[in-house]
Amino acid sequence: MNVKVKLVSMPGHQPSGFDEFGNATLKLDSQTTVTGLLAQLRLSDLETYMVLVNGTVIPPSEHGSHVLADGDEAAVFPPMEGG
């Protein structure tokens, strides 16, 4: 299945396959969860990333159970600090 992914304000270089704006369409196995997506992107599981799927926030407590579907659009934000 294909999922469009947008990496927003990620520190460092974009992973392979992403354009300079942080966009890519990834081929994922069916039944891939948000946790699986983050693992494929090699994002640290020690950090809590905010993830939106089709504009809806997926809470970290649901990352392991939220299964992505073909054509989904996911936006991934790194942990933010400040005030």
N, C-alpha and C. Protein backbone atom coordinates (compact mmCIF):
# COMPACT_ATOMS: atom_id res chain seq x y z
N MET A 1 0.85 -1.18 0.00
CA MET A 1 0.00 0.00 0.00
C MET A 1 0.89 1.23 0.00
N ASN A 2 0.37 2.34 -0.47
CA ASN A 2 1.10 3.60 -0.52
C ASN A 2 0.54 4.57 0.51
N VAL A 3 1.44 5.19 1.26
CA VAL A 3 1.07 6.20 2.26
C VAL A 3 1.93 7.43 2.01
N LYS A 4 1.29 8.58 1.91
CA LYS A 4 2.03 9.84 1.78
C LYS A 4 2.46 10.28 3.17
N VAL A 5 3.73 10.64 3.30
CA VAL A 5 4.28 11.03 4.60
C VAL A 5 4.90 12.41 4.47
N LYS A 6 4.63 13.25 5.45
CA LYS A 6 5.22 14.59 5.54
C LYS A 6 5.94 14.67 6.87
N LEU A 7 7.25 14.91 6.84
CA LEU A 7 8.04 15.12 8.04
C LEU A 7 8.11 16.62 8.27
N VAL A 8 7.64 17.09 9.42
CA VAL A 8 7.54 18.51 9.70
C VAL A 8 8.59 18.91 10.74
N SER A 9 9.42 19.89 10.40
CA SER A 9 10.40 20.46 11.32
C SER A 9 11.31 19.42 11.95
N MET A 10 11.72 18.44 11.17
CA MET A 10 12.61 17.41 11.69
C MET A 10 14.04 17.93 11.72
N PRO A 11 14.73 17.69 12.82
CA PRO A 11 16.13 18.12 12.89
C PRO A 11 17.00 17.24 12.00
N GLY A 12 18.08 17.79 11.50
CA GLY A 12 19.01 17.01 10.68
C GLY A 12 18.52 16.82 9.26
N HIS A 13 19.09 15.82 8.60
CA HIS A 13 18.77 15.55 7.20
C HIS A 13 17.53 14.68 7.09
N GLN A 14 16.83 14.83 5.98
CA GLN A 14 15.64 14.01 5.71
C GLN A 14 16.10 12.58 5.43
N PRO A 15 15.31 11.58 5.84
CA PRO A 15 15.63 10.20 5.47
C PRO A 15 15.64 10.03 3.95
N SER A 16 16.27 8.98 3.50
CA SER A 16 16.33 8.67 2.08
C SER A 16 14.93 8.58 1.49
N GLY A 17 14.76 9.14 0.30
CA GLY A 17 13.48 9.08 -0.39
C GLY A 17 12.58 10.27 -0.17
N PHE A 18 12.96 11.16 0.76
CA PHE A 18 12.15 12.35 1.03
C PHE A 18 12.72 13.53 0.26
N ASP A 19 11.83 14.41 -0.21
CA ASP A 19 12.30 15.60 -0.91
C ASP A 19 12.74 16.66 0.11
N GLU A 20 13.19 17.79 -0.39
CA GLU A 20 13.72 18.84 0.49
C GLU A 20 12.64 19.46 1.38
N PHE A 21 11.38 19.18 1.09
CA PHE A 21 10.28 19.70 1.88
C PHE A 21 9.74 18.67 2.87
N GLY A 22 10.39 17.51 2.93
CA GLY A 22 9.98 16.47 3.87
C GLY A 22 8.84 15.60 3.41
N ASN A 23 8.62 15.53 2.08
CA ASN A 23 7.51 14.74 1.53
C ASN A 23 8.01 13.47 0.85
N ALA A 24 7.25 12.40 1.02
CA ALA A 24 7.54 11.16 0.30
C ALA A 24 6.28 10.30 0.27
N THR A 25 6.21 9.45 -0.72
CA THR A 25 5.18 8.41 -0.74
C THR A 25 5.91 7.10 -0.50
N LEU A 26 5.51 6.42 0.58
CA LEU A 26 6.18 5.19 0.97
C LEU A 26 5.30 3.99 0.68
N LYS A 27 5.93 2.91 0.23
CA LYS A 27 5.25 1.63 0.06
C LYS A 27 5.41 0.89 1.38
N LEU A 28 4.28 0.57 2.00
CA LEU A 28 4.28 -0.12 3.29
C LEU A 28 3.52 -1.43 3.17
N ASP A 29 3.84 -2.36 4.05
CA ASP A 29 3.09 -3.60 4.12
C ASP A 29 1.69 -3.30 4.64
N SER A 30 0.71 -4.10 4.21
CA SER A 30 -0.62 -3.95 4.77
C SER A 30 -0.52 -4.25 6.27
N GLN A 31 -1.39 -3.67 7.04
CA GLN A 31 -1.42 -3.81 8.49
C GLN A 31 -0.29 -3.07 9.20
N THR A 32 0.41 -2.16 8.49
CA THR A 32 1.44 -1.34 9.15
C THR A 32 0.76 -0.35 10.07
N THR A 33 1.24 -0.28 11.30
CA THR A 33 0.71 0.66 12.27
C THR A 33 1.55 1.93 12.27
N VAL A 34 1.10 2.94 13.01
CA VAL A 34 1.88 4.17 13.15
C VAL A 34 3.24 3.84 13.76
N THR A 35 3.27 2.95 14.75
CA THR A 35 4.55 2.52 15.34
C THR A 35 5.45 1.91 14.28
N GLY A 36 4.89 1.09 13.39
CA GLY A 36 5.66 0.49 12.31
C GLY A 36 6.20 1.53 11.35
N LEU A 37 5.39 2.54 11.06
CA LEU A 37 5.85 3.63 10.20
C LEU A 37 7.03 4.35 10.83
N LEU A 38 6.91 4.70 12.11
CA LEU A 38 8.01 5.40 12.79
C LEU A 38 9.26 4.54 12.82
N ALA A 39 9.10 3.24 13.01
CA ALA A 39 10.26 2.33 13.01
C ALA A 39 10.90 2.29 11.63
N GLN A 40 10.08 2.26 10.58
CA GLN A 40 10.63 2.24 9.22
C GLN A 40 11.40 3.53 8.93
N LEU A 41 10.94 4.63 9.49
CA LEU A 41 11.62 5.91 9.30
C LEU A 41 12.85 6.03 10.19
N ARG A 42 13.04 5.03 11.05
CA ARG A 42 14.17 4.98 11.98
C ARG A 42 14.19 6.18 12.92
N LEU A 43 12.99 6.52 13.38
CA LEU A 43 12.86 7.58 14.37
C LEU A 43 12.91 6.94 15.74
N SER A 44 13.62 7.55 16.62
CA SER A 44 13.86 6.99 17.95
C SER A 44 12.55 6.67 18.67
N ASP A 45 12.50 5.47 19.23
CA ASP A 45 11.31 5.13 20.01
C ASP A 45 11.40 5.69 21.42
N LEU A 46 12.49 6.39 21.72
CA LEU A 46 12.62 7.05 23.01
C LEU A 46 11.93 8.41 23.02
N GLU A 47 11.62 8.91 21.84
CA GLU A 47 10.94 10.21 21.70
C GLU A 47 9.47 9.97 21.38
N THR A 48 8.63 10.91 21.79
CA THR A 48 7.20 10.83 21.48
C THR A 48 6.91 11.78 20.33
N TYR A 49 6.61 11.22 19.18
CA TYR A 49 6.29 12.02 18.00
C TYR A 49 4.80 12.25 17.91
N MET A 50 4.41 13.46 17.51
CA MET A 50 3.01 13.72 17.23
C MET A 50 2.76 13.28 15.79
N VAL A 51 1.72 12.49 15.59
CA VAL A 51 1.41 11.98 14.26
C VAL A 51 -0.05 12.29 13.95
N LEU A 52 -0.27 12.86 12.77
CA LEU A 52 -1.62 13.07 12.26
C LEU A 52 -1.80 12.14 11.08
N VAL A 53 -2.94 11.46 11.02
CA VAL A 53 -3.28 10.64 9.87
C VAL A 53 -4.56 11.21 9.29
N ASN A 54 -4.46 11.66 8.05
CA ASN A 54 -5.59 12.30 7.37
C ASN A 54 -6.14 13.45 8.20
N GLY A 55 -5.24 14.19 8.84
CA GLY A 55 -5.62 15.38 9.60
C GLY A 55 -6.09 15.12 11.01
N THR A 56 -6.13 13.87 11.44
CA THR A 56 -6.58 13.52 12.78
C THR A 56 -5.38 13.11 13.64
N VAL A 57 -5.27 13.70 14.83
CA VAL A 57 -4.17 13.34 15.74
C VAL A 57 -4.36 11.91 16.21
N ILE A 58 -3.30 11.13 16.12
CA ILE A 58 -3.29 9.77 16.66
C ILE A 58 -2.47 9.83 17.95
N PRO A 59 -3.12 9.71 19.11
CA PRO A 59 -2.39 9.81 20.37
C PRO A 59 -1.31 8.73 20.48
N PRO A 60 -0.20 9.03 21.17
CA PRO A 60 0.86 8.03 21.32
C PRO A 60 0.36 6.69 21.86
N SER A 61 -0.66 6.73 22.69
CA SER A 61 -1.20 5.48 23.24
C SER A 61 -1.85 4.60 22.16
N GLU A 62 -2.14 5.18 20.99
CA GLU A 62 -2.77 4.44 19.90
C GLU A 62 -1.82 4.16 18.73
N HIS A 63 -0.56 4.59 18.83
CA HIS A 63 0.39 4.38 17.73
C HIS A 63 0.53 2.91 17.38
N GLY A 64 0.50 2.03 18.38
CA GLY A 64 0.68 0.60 18.12
C GLY A 64 -0.56 -0.09 17.59
N SER A 65 -1.71 0.53 17.74
CA SER A 65 -2.95 -0.12 17.29
C SER A 65 -3.58 0.53 16.07
N HIS A 66 -3.14 1.74 15.72
CA HIS A 66 -3.73 2.43 14.56
C HIS A 66 -3.08 1.90 13.28
N VAL A 67 -3.86 1.16 12.50
CA VAL A 67 -3.37 0.57 11.25
C VAL A 67 -3.59 1.57 10.12
N LEU A 68 -2.55 1.80 9.35
CA LEU A 68 -2.62 2.70 8.21
C LEU A 68 -3.30 1.99 7.03
N ALA A 69 -3.91 2.78 6.16
CA ALA A 69 -4.59 2.24 4.99
C ALA A 69 -4.00 2.85 3.72
N ASP A 70 -4.17 2.15 2.61
CA ASP A 70 -3.70 2.65 1.33
C ASP A 70 -4.29 4.03 1.07
N GLY A 71 -3.43 4.97 0.70
CA GLY A 71 -3.87 6.32 0.39
C GLY A 71 -3.88 7.27 1.58
N ASP A 72 -3.59 6.76 2.79
CA ASP A 72 -3.53 7.65 3.95
C ASP A 72 -2.43 8.69 3.77
N GLU A 73 -2.61 9.81 4.47
CA GLU A 73 -1.60 10.86 4.51
C GLU A 73 -1.23 11.06 5.97
N ALA A 74 0.05 10.87 6.28
CA ALA A 74 0.54 10.99 7.64
C ALA A 74 1.51 12.16 7.74
N ALA A 75 1.36 12.95 8.79
CA ALA A 75 2.29 14.03 9.08
C ALA A 75 2.94 13.70 10.43
N VAL A 76 4.27 13.80 10.48
CA VAL A 76 5.03 13.44 11.69
C VAL A 76 5.77 14.67 12.18
N PHE A 77 5.53 15.02 13.46
CA PHE A 77 6.18 16.15 14.09
C PHE A 77 7.07 15.67 15.21
N PRO A 78 8.28 16.22 15.35
CA PRO A 78 9.16 15.82 16.44
C PRO A 78 8.65 16.40 17.76
N PRO A 79 9.20 15.88 18.87
CA PRO A 79 8.84 16.48 20.16
C PRO A 79 9.23 17.94 20.17
N MET A 80 8.38 18.76 20.76
CA MET A 80 8.63 20.21 20.81
C MET A 80 8.89 20.63 22.23
N GLU A 81 9.75 21.63 22.39
CA GLU A 81 10.04 22.19 23.70
C GLU A 81 9.84 23.68 23.63
N GLY A 82 9.72 24.26 24.78
CA GLY A 82 9.61 25.72 24.84
C GLY A 82 8.31 26.13 25.46
N GLY A 83 8.09 27.40 25.41
CA GLY A 83 6.86 27.88 26.05
C GLY A 83 6.55 29.28 25.64
